[in-house]
Amino acid sequence: MSELSKRSTVYFEAEIHQALRIKAATTHQSVSEVVNEAVRVALSEDQEDLKAFSHMAKYSHAFKYMLFCT
C-alpha cells in the first residue's frame, strides 16, 4: 500500500468477501489491491460513458435547435 492510500471500511456480503479472498490468493495480491483494481476499472468505464453522453448531448442540442429554430 502506498503512502497516499486512504483507509476505508467497506462491508461485503459473505460470498463476495470469499470470492475476493480467493482472487487475491490466486493472483498473489492483497484484497485491497483486488478491490482497488476493480473500482478503478468501474470508474474508468463510468468516465467513458460520461464522455460519450456529453458528446451526444452536444449534438442533441444542435439537432433540437435545427428542428425548432428553422
Protein backbone atom coordinates (compact mmCIF):
# COMPACT_ATOMS: atom_id res chain seq x y z
CA MET A 1 0.00 0.00 0.00
CA SER A 2 1.36 3.40 -0.91
CA GLU A 3 1.81 6.33 1.43
CA LEU A 4 -1.00 8.12 -0.37
CA SER A 5 -3.55 5.38 0.34
CA LYS A 6 -6.62 6.21 2.38
CA ARG A 7 -8.22 3.79 4.77
CA SER A 8 -11.92 2.99 4.48
CA THR A 9 -14.27 0.41 5.93
CA VAL A 10 -16.38 -1.48 3.40
CA TYR A 11 -18.87 -4.20 4.26
CA PHE A 12 -19.15 -7.06 1.76
CA GLU A 13 -21.66 -9.84 1.55
CA ALA A 14 -20.06 -13.09 2.74
CA GLU A 15 -19.97 -14.61 -0.76
CA ILE A 16 -18.32 -11.53 -2.27
CA HIS A 17 -15.75 -11.40 0.51
CA GLN A 18 -14.90 -15.06 -0.01
CA ALA A 19 -14.54 -14.51 -3.77
CA LEU A 20 -12.26 -11.52 -3.12
CA ARG A 21 -10.08 -13.56 -0.78
CA ILE A 22 -9.80 -16.38 -3.34
CA LYS A 23 -8.99 -13.95 -6.18
CA ALA A 24 -6.39 -12.22 -4.01
CA ALA A 25 -4.75 -15.52 -3.10
CA THR A 26 -4.68 -16.85 -6.66
CA THR A 27 -3.28 -13.60 -8.07
CA HIS A 28 -0.78 -13.05 -5.22
CA GLN A 29 -2.37 -9.71 -4.35
CA SER A 30 -3.96 -8.32 -1.22
CA VAL A 31 -7.73 -7.96 -1.01
CA SER A 32 -7.16 -4.18 -1.05
CA GLU A 33 -5.26 -4.43 -4.33
CA VAL A 34 -8.03 -6.51 -5.92
CA VAL A 35 -10.71 -4.07 -4.73
CA ASN A 36 -8.71 -1.02 -5.87
CA GLU A 37 -8.26 -2.54 -9.32
CA ALA A 38 -11.98 -3.39 -9.62
CA VAL A 39 -13.04 0.09 -8.52
CA ARG A 40 -10.52 1.72 -10.87
CA VAL A 41 -11.92 -0.27 -13.82
CA ALA A 42 -15.53 0.51 -12.88
CA LEU A 43 -14.79 4.22 -12.53
CA SER A 44 -12.94 4.37 -15.85
CA GLU A 45 -15.90 2.69 -17.56
CA ASP A 46 -18.21 5.28 -15.98
CA GLN A 47 -15.89 8.04 -17.19
CA GLU A 48 -16.03 6.66 -20.74
CA ASP A 49 -19.84 6.55 -20.55
CA LEU A 50 -19.96 10.13 -19.28
CA LYS A 51 -17.71 11.34 -22.09
CA ALA A 52 -19.87 9.60 -24.68
CA PHE A 53 -23.04 11.02 -23.16
CA SER A 54 -21.56 14.51 -23.05
CA HIS A 55 -20.54 14.22 -26.70
CA MET A 56 -24.03 13.06 -27.68
CA ALA A 57 -25.65 15.85 -25.65
CA LYS A 58 -23.78 18.50 -27.68
CA TYR A 59 -25.16 17.14 -30.94
CA SER A 60 -28.60 16.65 -29.44
CA HIS A 61 -28.81 20.37 -28.58
CA ALA A 62 -27.66 21.32 -32.07
CA PHE A 63 -30.21 18.94 -33.61
CA LYS A 64 -33.04 20.36 -31.49
CA TYR A 65 -32.01 23.88 -32.49
CA MET A 66 -32.15 22.91 -36.16
CA LEU A 67 -35.61 21.36 -35.74
CA PHE A 68 -37.27 24.11 -33.75
CA CYS A 69 -35.46 27.27 -34.82
CA THR A 70 -35.68 26.97 -38.58
